[in-house]
């Protein structure tokens, strides 16, 4: 009787794992990045998604898809622990730190550094600069990240961007 119960549990576990791997293999790379973050509402446990992402994905097609979408900004904008490790892995696999991304509908483009400046994320700004982000690269409106930070600081004086501005001036 115990062998049957144990056998049934093992079978259910194997079926569940197979279904999870099948689902993850069909995720777009952005979905898999989100799935790897705790608390994002995916039925698959975040550590399982993260391990699948790190060991079975990040091929050239995934890098190209991510680059065409939100790029490095998408990876860094999460509040997930380990986002910098994940971003480094993507960079090591060929994700361009200075690539233009479209933050929304329309023709406007900007770099991941611009996105970090707009969102006032000094930790992301520092990470991007350490990994070769170009401080002088303008967005599609001709503004450098520093110009964007200074403009936003003037427009929103209650939200200090002093740390971001300091990092960009170094």
N, C-alpha and C. Protein backbone atom coordinates (compact mmCIF):
# COMPACT_ATOMS: atom_id res chain seq x y z
N UNK A 1 0.82 -1.20 0.00
CA UNK A 1 0.00 0.00 0.00
C UNK A 1 0.87 1.26 0.00
N UNK A 2 1.91 1.27 0.84
CA UNK A 2 2.80 2.43 0.91
C UNK A 2 3.57 2.60 -0.39
N UNK A 3 3.94 1.47 -1.03
CA UNK A 3 4.66 1.54 -2.30
C UNK A 3 3.80 2.19 -3.37
N UNK A 4 2.51 1.88 -3.37
CA UNK A 4 1.60 2.47 -4.36
C UNK A 4 1.46 3.98 -4.14
N UNK A 5 1.31 4.37 -2.89
CA UNK A 5 1.18 5.80 -2.57
C UNK A 5 2.46 6.53 -2.97
N UNK A 6 3.60 5.94 -2.60
CA UNK A 6 4.88 6.54 -2.95
C UNK A 6 5.05 6.61 -4.47
N UNK A 7 4.69 5.56 -5.15
CA UNK A 7 4.78 5.52 -6.61
C UNK A 7 3.89 6.56 -7.25
N UNK A 8 2.67 6.73 -6.71
CA UNK A 8 1.75 7.74 -7.24
C UNK A 8 2.31 9.15 -7.02
N UNK A 9 2.90 9.38 -5.85
CA UNK A 9 3.49 10.70 -5.58
C UNK A 9 4.66 11.00 -6.51
N UNK A 10 5.50 10.00 -6.73
CA UNK A 10 6.63 10.17 -7.65
C UNK A 10 6.12 10.45 -9.06
N UNK A 11 5.10 9.74 -9.48
CA UNK A 11 4.52 9.95 -10.80
C UNK A 11 3.94 11.36 -10.93
N UNK A 12 3.21 11.81 -9.91
CA UNK A 12 2.65 13.17 -9.93
C UNK A 12 3.75 14.22 -9.97
N UNK A 13 4.80 13.99 -9.20
CA UNK A 13 5.92 14.92 -9.20
C UNK A 13 6.59 14.98 -10.58
N UNK A 14 6.78 13.85 -11.19
CA UNK A 14 7.39 13.79 -12.53
C UNK A 14 6.50 14.49 -13.56
N UNK A 15 5.21 14.28 -13.48
CA UNK A 15 4.28 14.94 -14.41
C UNK A 15 4.31 16.45 -14.20
N UNK A 16 4.29 16.88 -12.94
CA UNK A 16 4.34 18.31 -12.63
C UNK A 16 5.62 18.96 -13.13
N UNK A 17 6.75 18.28 -12.91
CA UNK A 17 8.04 18.82 -13.37
C UNK A 17 8.07 18.89 -14.90
N UNK A 18 7.55 17.87 -15.54
CA UNK A 18 7.51 17.87 -17.00
C UNK A 18 6.66 19.00 -17.54
N UNK A 19 5.51 19.23 -16.90
CA UNK A 19 4.64 20.33 -17.33
C UNK A 19 5.33 21.68 -17.12
N UNK A 20 6.03 21.83 -15.99
CA UNK A 20 6.73 23.09 -15.71
C UNK A 20 7.81 23.34 -16.76
N UNK A 21 8.60 22.32 -17.07
CA UNK A 21 9.66 22.49 -18.07
C UNK A 21 9.08 22.76 -19.45
N UNK A 22 7.99 22.12 -19.77
CA UNK A 22 7.34 22.38 -21.06
C UNK A 22 6.86 23.83 -21.12
N UNK A 23 6.23 24.30 -20.04
CA UNK A 23 5.75 25.68 -20.01
C UNK A 23 6.91 26.66 -20.15
N UNK A 24 7.99 26.43 -19.40
CA UNK A 24 9.13 27.35 -19.45
C UNK A 24 9.79 27.34 -20.83
N UNK A 25 9.79 26.20 -21.49
CA UNK A 25 10.40 26.14 -22.82
C UNK A 25 9.61 26.95 -23.84
N UNK A 26 8.34 27.22 -23.55
CA UNK A 26 7.50 28.01 -24.44
C UNK A 26 7.39 29.48 -24.03
N UNK A 27 7.98 29.85 -22.90
CA UNK A 27 7.96 31.25 -22.46
C UNK A 27 8.85 32.09 -23.38
N UNK A 28 8.41 33.31 -23.64
CA UNK A 28 9.31 34.29 -24.24
C UNK A 28 10.36 34.63 -23.18
N UNK A 29 11.48 35.15 -23.57
CA UNK A 29 12.56 35.42 -22.63
C UNK A 29 12.13 36.42 -21.55
N UNK A 30 11.31 37.40 -21.90
CA UNK A 30 10.82 38.36 -20.91
C UNK A 30 9.96 37.67 -19.86
N UNK A 31 9.12 36.73 -20.30
CA UNK A 31 8.28 35.99 -19.36
C UNK A 31 9.14 35.17 -18.41
N UNK A 32 10.19 34.59 -18.93
CA UNK A 32 11.06 33.77 -18.10
C UNK A 32 11.82 34.63 -17.09
N UNK A 33 12.23 35.82 -17.49
CA UNK A 33 12.88 36.74 -16.56
C UNK A 33 11.91 37.10 -15.44
N UNK A 34 10.67 37.41 -15.79
CA UNK A 34 9.66 37.74 -14.78
C UNK A 34 9.37 36.54 -13.88
N UNK A 35 9.28 35.37 -14.47
CA UNK A 35 9.00 34.15 -13.71
C UNK A 35 10.11 33.89 -12.69
N UNK A 36 11.33 34.31 -13.00
CA UNK A 36 12.46 34.06 -12.11
C UNK A 36 12.49 35.01 -10.91
N UNK A 37 11.57 35.97 -10.88
CA UNK A 37 11.48 36.91 -9.77
C UNK A 37 10.41 36.45 -8.79
N UNK A 38 10.72 36.40 -7.51
CA UNK A 38 9.70 36.00 -6.53
C UNK A 38 8.52 36.96 -6.51
N UNK A 39 7.33 36.41 -6.32
CA UNK A 39 6.14 37.22 -6.14
C UNK A 39 5.56 37.83 -7.39
N UNK A 40 5.83 37.28 -8.55
CA UNK A 40 5.28 37.86 -9.78
C UNK A 40 4.04 37.14 -10.27
N UNK A 41 3.57 36.16 -9.51
CA UNK A 41 2.30 35.52 -9.84
C UNK A 41 2.37 34.32 -10.75
N UNK A 42 3.55 33.85 -11.06
CA UNK A 42 3.66 32.65 -11.88
C UNK A 42 3.46 31.42 -11.00
N UNK A 43 2.84 30.39 -11.57
CA UNK A 43 2.60 29.16 -10.82
C UNK A 43 3.88 28.37 -10.61
N UNK A 44 4.84 28.57 -11.48
CA UNK A 44 6.12 27.87 -11.37
C UNK A 44 6.98 28.61 -10.35
N UNK A 45 7.59 27.90 -9.41
CA UNK A 45 8.43 28.57 -8.40
C UNK A 45 9.57 29.37 -9.04
N UNK A 46 9.80 30.57 -8.52
CA UNK A 46 10.82 31.46 -9.06
C UNK A 46 12.21 30.81 -9.13
N UNK A 47 12.65 30.08 -8.10
CA UNK A 47 13.99 29.46 -8.21
C UNK A 47 14.10 28.47 -9.37
N UNK A 48 13.02 27.76 -9.67
CA UNK A 48 13.03 26.83 -10.79
C UNK A 48 13.15 27.59 -12.12
N UNK A 49 12.39 28.68 -12.24
CA UNK A 49 12.48 29.51 -13.46
C UNK A 49 13.88 30.09 -13.61
N UNK A 50 14.45 30.55 -12.51
CA UNK A 50 15.78 31.15 -12.57
C UNK A 50 16.83 30.13 -13.02
N UNK A 51 16.77 28.95 -12.45
CA UNK A 51 17.74 27.92 -12.84
C UNK A 51 17.55 27.52 -14.31
N UNK A 52 16.31 27.41 -14.73
CA UNK A 52 16.04 27.09 -16.14
C UNK A 52 16.59 28.19 -17.04
N UNK A 53 16.35 29.43 -16.66
CA UNK A 53 16.84 30.58 -17.43
C UNK A 53 18.36 30.56 -17.52
N UNK A 54 19.03 30.35 -16.40
CA UNK A 54 20.49 30.39 -16.37
C UNK A 54 21.14 29.22 -17.10
N UNK A 55 20.52 28.06 -17.06
CA UNK A 55 21.17 26.86 -17.60
C UNK A 55 20.67 26.40 -18.97
N UNK A 56 19.45 26.77 -19.33
CA UNK A 56 18.90 26.25 -20.58
C UNK A 56 18.50 27.33 -21.59
N UNK A 57 18.56 28.58 -21.18
CA UNK A 57 18.19 29.65 -22.09
C UNK A 57 19.38 30.59 -22.26
N UNK A 58 19.14 31.81 -22.58
CA UNK A 58 20.19 32.80 -22.85
C UNK A 58 21.00 32.43 -24.09
N UNK A 59 20.34 31.82 -25.07
CA UNK A 59 21.00 31.55 -26.34
C UNK A 59 20.91 32.81 -27.21
N UNK A 60 21.47 32.77 -28.39
CA UNK A 60 21.51 33.97 -29.24
C UNK A 60 20.11 34.44 -29.61
N UNK A 61 19.18 33.53 -29.84
CA UNK A 61 17.80 33.94 -30.15
C UNK A 61 17.18 34.69 -28.98
N UNK A 62 17.42 34.21 -27.76
CA UNK A 62 16.90 34.89 -26.57
C UNK A 62 17.52 36.27 -26.42
N UNK A 63 18.82 36.37 -26.64
CA UNK A 63 19.51 37.66 -26.55
C UNK A 63 18.93 38.62 -27.58
N UNK A 64 18.75 38.15 -28.81
CA UNK A 64 18.19 38.99 -29.87
C UNK A 64 16.77 39.43 -29.53
N UNK A 65 15.95 38.52 -29.00
CA UNK A 65 14.58 38.87 -28.62
C UNK A 65 14.55 39.90 -27.51
N UNK A 66 15.40 39.71 -26.51
CA UNK A 66 15.45 40.67 -25.40
C UNK A 66 15.96 42.02 -25.88
N UNK A 67 16.96 42.01 -26.76
CA UNK A 67 17.51 43.25 -27.30
C UNK A 67 16.44 44.00 -28.10
N UNK A 68 15.61 43.28 -28.83
CA UNK A 68 14.55 43.91 -29.62
C UNK A 68 13.42 44.44 -28.75
N UNK A 69 13.31 43.92 -27.54
CA UNK A 69 12.27 44.38 -26.62
C UNK A 69 12.81 45.42 -25.66
N UNK A 70 12.78 45.10 -24.40
CA UNK A 70 13.19 46.05 -23.37
C UNK A 70 14.68 46.07 -23.09
N UNK A 71 15.41 45.11 -23.63
CA UNK A 71 16.85 45.08 -23.44
C UNK A 71 17.26 44.97 -21.99
N UNK A 72 18.42 45.51 -21.70
CA UNK A 72 18.97 45.44 -20.36
C UNK A 72 18.11 46.22 -19.36
N UNK A 73 17.45 47.27 -19.82
CA UNK A 73 16.57 48.04 -18.95
C UNK A 73 15.48 47.16 -18.35
N UNK A 74 14.94 46.25 -19.16
CA UNK A 74 13.89 45.34 -18.68
C UNK A 74 14.40 44.48 -17.53
N UNK A 75 15.61 43.97 -17.66
CA UNK A 75 16.18 43.11 -16.62
C UNK A 75 16.44 43.92 -15.35
N UNK A 76 16.95 45.13 -15.50
CA UNK A 76 17.35 45.93 -14.34
C UNK A 76 16.20 46.62 -13.63
N UNK A 77 15.09 46.84 -14.31
CA UNK A 77 14.00 47.58 -13.69
C UNK A 77 13.25 46.79 -12.63
N UNK A 78 13.50 45.52 -12.57
CA UNK A 78 12.85 44.72 -11.54
C UNK A 78 13.50 45.01 -10.19
N UNK A 79 12.78 44.74 -9.15
CA UNK A 79 13.34 44.88 -7.82
C UNK A 79 13.84 43.57 -7.28
N UNK A 80 13.98 42.60 -8.14
CA UNK A 80 14.32 41.24 -7.72
C UNK A 80 15.74 41.15 -7.20
N UNK A 81 15.92 40.36 -6.15
CA UNK A 81 17.28 40.09 -5.72
C UNK A 81 18.00 39.32 -6.82
N UNK A 82 19.24 39.64 -7.02
CA UNK A 82 20.00 38.94 -8.06
C UNK A 82 19.85 39.54 -9.44
N UNK A 83 19.21 40.71 -9.57
CA UNK A 83 19.02 41.30 -10.90
C UNK A 83 20.35 41.67 -11.54
N UNK A 84 21.33 42.07 -10.72
CA UNK A 84 22.63 42.44 -11.28
C UNK A 84 23.38 41.21 -11.79
N UNK A 85 23.28 40.11 -11.06
CA UNK A 85 23.90 38.86 -11.51
C UNK A 85 23.28 38.43 -12.84
N UNK A 86 21.97 38.51 -12.91
CA UNK A 86 21.27 38.14 -14.14
C UNK A 86 21.67 39.06 -15.29
N UNK A 87 21.73 40.36 -15.02
CA UNK A 87 22.13 41.32 -16.04
C UNK A 87 23.55 41.04 -16.52
N UNK A 88 24.45 40.72 -15.60
CA UNK A 88 25.83 40.39 -15.99
C UNK A 88 25.87 39.16 -16.89
N UNK A 89 25.05 38.18 -16.58
CA UNK A 89 25.02 36.98 -17.43
C UNK A 89 24.54 37.32 -18.84
N UNK A 90 23.52 38.17 -18.92
CA UNK A 90 23.04 38.59 -20.24
C UNK A 90 24.12 39.38 -20.99
N UNK A 91 24.83 40.26 -20.29
CA UNK A 91 25.91 41.03 -20.92
C UNK A 91 26.99 40.09 -21.41
N UNK A 92 27.36 39.12 -20.58
CA UNK A 92 28.38 38.14 -20.97
C UNK A 92 27.97 37.35 -22.20
N UNK A 93 26.66 37.16 -22.38
CA UNK A 93 26.15 36.41 -23.53
C UNK A 93 25.94 37.28 -24.76
N UNK A 94 26.19 38.61 -24.62
CA UNK A 94 26.13 39.47 -25.80
C UNK A 94 25.08 40.57 -25.78
N UNK A 95 24.32 40.71 -24.71
CA UNK A 95 23.34 41.80 -24.65
C UNK A 95 24.08 43.13 -24.59
N UNK A 96 23.72 44.05 -25.46
CA UNK A 96 24.42 45.33 -25.61
C UNK A 96 23.98 46.32 -24.55
N UNK A 97 24.94 46.80 -23.76
CA UNK A 97 24.67 47.76 -22.69
C UNK A 97 24.17 49.09 -23.25
N UNK A 98 24.62 49.44 -24.44
CA UNK A 98 24.29 50.75 -25.02
C UNK A 98 23.20 50.72 -26.08
N UNK A 99 22.56 49.59 -26.25
CA UNK A 99 21.52 49.48 -27.28
C UNK A 99 20.33 50.38 -26.97
N UNK A 100 19.72 50.88 -28.03
CA UNK A 100 18.50 51.66 -27.88
C UNK A 100 17.32 50.72 -27.66
N UNK A 101 16.44 51.10 -26.76
CA UNK A 101 15.21 50.35 -26.52
C UNK A 101 14.04 51.32 -26.62
N UNK A 102 12.90 50.79 -26.90
CA UNK A 102 11.67 51.59 -26.94
C UNK A 102 10.94 51.35 -25.62
N UNK A 103 10.86 52.38 -24.78
CA UNK A 103 10.21 52.19 -23.49
C UNK A 103 8.69 52.05 -23.57
N UNK A 104 8.14 52.35 -24.71
CA UNK A 104 6.69 52.26 -24.89
C UNK A 104 6.35 52.44 -26.35
N UNK A 105 5.07 52.59 -26.65
CA UNK A 105 4.69 52.77 -28.05
C UNK A 105 5.23 54.10 -28.59
N UNK A 106 5.46 54.14 -29.87
CA UNK A 106 5.98 55.35 -30.50
C UNK A 106 7.39 55.17 -31.00
N UNK A 107 7.95 56.27 -31.47
CA UNK A 107 9.27 56.22 -32.08
C UNK A 107 10.40 56.55 -31.12
N UNK A 108 10.09 57.00 -29.92
CA UNK A 108 11.12 57.42 -28.98
C UNK A 108 11.96 56.22 -28.54
N UNK A 109 13.28 56.41 -28.56
CA UNK A 109 14.19 55.37 -28.08
C UNK A 109 15.15 55.97 -27.06
N UNK A 110 15.68 55.10 -26.23
CA UNK A 110 16.65 55.52 -25.22
C UNK A 110 17.47 54.31 -24.81
N UNK A 111 18.57 54.57 -24.15
CA UNK A 111 19.42 53.48 -23.67
C UNK A 111 18.95 53.02 -22.30
N UNK A 112 19.50 51.90 -21.84
CA UNK A 112 19.19 51.42 -20.49
C UNK A 112 19.63 52.46 -19.46
N UNK A 113 20.72 53.18 -19.75
CA UNK A 113 21.18 54.22 -18.83
C UNK A 113 20.16 55.34 -18.73
N UNK A 114 19.57 55.74 -19.84
CA UNK A 114 18.50 56.75 -19.81
C UNK A 114 17.34 56.25 -18.94
N UNK A 115 16.97 54.99 -19.11
CA UNK A 115 15.85 54.44 -18.33
C UNK A 115 16.15 54.49 -16.84
N UNK A 116 17.37 54.13 -16.45
CA UNK A 116 17.75 54.16 -15.04
C UNK A 116 17.74 55.58 -14.50
N UNK A 117 18.13 56.54 -15.33
CA UNK A 117 18.11 57.95 -14.93
C UNK A 117 16.66 58.41 -14.74
N UNK A 118 15.81 58.11 -15.70
CA UNK A 118 14.41 58.52 -15.63
C UNK A 118 13.73 57.94 -14.39
N UNK A 119 14.04 56.69 -14.07
CA UNK A 119 13.43 56.04 -12.91
C UNK A 119 14.17 56.37 -11.60
N UNK A 120 15.21 57.19 -11.69
CA UNK A 120 15.99 57.61 -10.52
C UNK A 120 16.52 56.41 -9.74
N UNK A 121 17.26 55.56 -10.44
CA UNK A 121 17.81 54.34 -9.85
C UNK A 121 19.34 54.40 -9.83
N UNK A 122 19.91 55.02 -8.80
CA UNK A 122 21.37 55.17 -8.76
C UNK A 122 22.13 53.84 -8.79
N UNK A 123 21.57 52.81 -8.19
CA UNK A 123 22.25 51.50 -8.22
C UNK A 123 22.34 50.96 -9.64
N UNK A 124 21.28 51.14 -10.42
CA UNK A 124 21.29 50.70 -11.82
C UNK A 124 22.23 51.57 -12.66
N UNK A 125 22.24 52.87 -12.39
CA UNK A 125 23.15 53.78 -13.10
C UNK A 125 24.59 53.34 -12.85
N UNK A 126 24.94 53.10 -11.59
CA UNK A 126 26.30 52.67 -11.25
C UNK A 126 26.66 51.35 -11.94
N UNK A 127 25.74 50.40 -11.91
CA UNK A 127 25.97 49.11 -12.55
C UNK A 127 26.24 49.29 -14.04
N UNK A 128 25.40 50.06 -14.70
CA UNK A 128 25.55 50.26 -16.15
C UNK A 128 26.86 50.96 -16.49
N UNK A 129 27.23 51.95 -15.70
CA UNK A 129 28.49 52.65 -15.95
C UNK A 129 29.68 51.71 -15.75
N UNK A 130 29.60 50.86 -14.74
CA UNK A 130 30.68 49.88 -14.49
C UNK A 130 30.80 48.88 -15.64
N UNK A 131 29.72 48.68 -16.37
CA UNK A 131 29.72 47.71 -17.46
C UNK A 131 29.79 48.36 -18.84
N UNK A 132 30.26 49.61 -18.87
CA UNK A 132 30.56 50.24 -20.15
C UNK A 132 29.47 51.09 -20.78
N UNK A 133 28.45 51.45 -20.03
CA UNK A 133 27.41 52.31 -20.61
C UNK A 133 28.02 53.66 -21.00
N UNK A 134 27.60 54.16 -22.13
CA UNK A 134 28.13 55.41 -22.69
C UNK A 134 27.34 56.59 -22.14
N UNK A 135 27.99 57.41 -21.30
CA UNK A 135 27.34 58.58 -20.70
C UNK A 135 27.02 59.65 -21.74
N UNK A 136 27.74 59.63 -22.84
CA UNK A 136 27.57 60.68 -23.86
C UNK A 136 26.55 60.31 -24.93
N UNK A 137 26.04 59.11 -24.89
CA UNK A 137 25.10 58.67 -25.94
C UNK A 137 23.75 59.37 -25.76
N UNK A 138 23.29 60.08 -26.80
CA UNK A 138 21.99 60.75 -26.70
C UNK A 138 20.83 59.78 -26.97
N UNK A 139 19.68 60.15 -26.43
CA UNK A 139 18.46 59.40 -26.76
C UNK A 139 17.93 59.93 -28.10
N UNK A 140 16.76 59.46 -28.50
CA UNK A 140 16.23 59.87 -29.81
C UNK A 140 15.83 61.34 -29.85
N UNK A 141 15.78 61.99 -28.67
CA UNK A 141 15.49 63.43 -28.62
C UNK A 141 16.76 64.26 -28.50
N UNK A 142 17.92 63.58 -28.58
CA UNK A 142 19.20 64.28 -28.56
C UNK A 142 19.75 64.60 -27.18
N UNK A 143 19.16 64.04 -26.13
CA UNK A 143 19.61 64.34 -24.78
C UNK A 143 20.47 63.21 -24.21
N UNK A 144 21.56 63.59 -23.56
CA UNK A 144 22.40 62.61 -22.87
C UNK A 144 21.72 62.25 -21.55
N UNK A 145 22.15 61.17 -20.92
CA UNK A 145 21.57 60.82 -19.61
C UNK A 145 21.72 61.94 -18.58
N UNK A 146 22.85 62.63 -18.58
CA UNK A 146 23.05 63.74 -17.63
C UNK A 146 22.05 64.86 -17.91
N UNK A 147 21.85 65.20 -19.16
CA UNK A 147 20.87 66.25 -19.49
C UNK A 147 19.47 65.85 -19.06
N UNK A 148 19.12 64.58 -19.23
CA UNK A 148 17.81 64.09 -18.79
C UNK A 148 17.69 64.21 -17.27
N UNK A 149 18.73 63.81 -16.55
CA UNK A 149 18.71 63.87 -15.08
C UNK A 149 18.57 65.31 -14.60
N UNK A 150 19.31 66.22 -15.20
CA UNK A 150 19.24 67.63 -14.79
C UNK A 150 17.87 68.23 -15.12
N UNK A 151 17.33 67.88 -16.28
CA UNK A 151 15.99 68.37 -16.65
C UNK A 151 14.94 67.86 -15.67
N UNK A 152 15.01 66.58 -15.34
CA UNK A 152 14.04 66.01 -14.40
C UNK A 152 14.21 66.59 -13.00
N UNK A 153 15.45 66.86 -12.59
CA UNK A 153 15.69 67.46 -11.28
C UNK A 153 15.06 68.85 -11.21
N UNK A 154 15.18 69.61 -12.30
CA UNK A 154 14.57 70.95 -12.35
C UNK A 154 13.05 70.86 -12.36
N UNK A 155 12.51 69.89 -13.08
CA UNK A 155 11.06 69.75 -13.19
C UNK A 155 10.44 69.17 -11.93
N UNK A 156 11.20 68.36 -11.20
CA UNK A 156 10.69 67.69 -9.99
C UNK A 156 11.68 67.90 -8.84
N UNK A 157 11.76 69.11 -8.31
CA UNK A 157 12.77 69.39 -7.28
C UNK A 157 12.57 68.61 -5.98
N UNK A 158 11.37 68.11 -5.73
CA UNK A 158 11.12 67.34 -4.51
C UNK A 158 11.75 65.95 -4.55
N UNK A 159 12.06 65.47 -5.75
CA UNK A 159 12.67 64.15 -5.91
C UNK A 159 14.15 64.34 -6.23
N UNK A 160 14.98 64.10 -5.24
CA UNK A 160 16.42 64.33 -5.42
C UNK A 160 17.03 63.32 -6.38
N UNK A 161 17.75 63.84 -7.34
CA UNK A 161 18.50 63.02 -8.29
C UNK A 161 19.99 63.29 -8.14
N UNK A 162 20.37 63.77 -6.97
CA UNK A 162 21.76 64.16 -6.73
C UNK A 162 22.72 63.00 -6.94
N UNK A 163 22.38 61.82 -6.47
CA UNK A 163 23.27 60.66 -6.60
C UNK A 163 23.42 60.26 -8.07
N UNK A 164 22.34 60.26 -8.80
CA UNK A 164 22.39 59.92 -10.23
C UNK A 164 23.24 60.94 -10.98
N UNK A 165 23.03 62.22 -10.69
CA UNK A 165 23.79 63.28 -11.35
C UNK A 165 25.27 63.17 -11.00
N UNK A 166 25.57 62.89 -9.73
CA UNK A 166 26.97 62.73 -9.31
C UNK A 166 27.64 61.59 -10.08
N UNK A 167 26.95 60.45 -10.19
CA UNK A 167 27.51 59.31 -10.92
C UNK A 167 27.77 59.65 -12.38
N UNK A 168 26.88 60.40 -12.99
CA UNK A 168 27.03 60.74 -14.40
C UNK A 168 28.12 61.78 -14.64
N UNK A 169 28.42 62.58 -13.63
CA UNK A 169 29.47 63.60 -13.77
C UNK A 169 30.86 63.06 -13.49
N UNK A 170 30.97 61.91 -12.88
CA UNK A 170 32.29 61.34 -12.54
C UNK A 170 33.07 60.98 -13.78
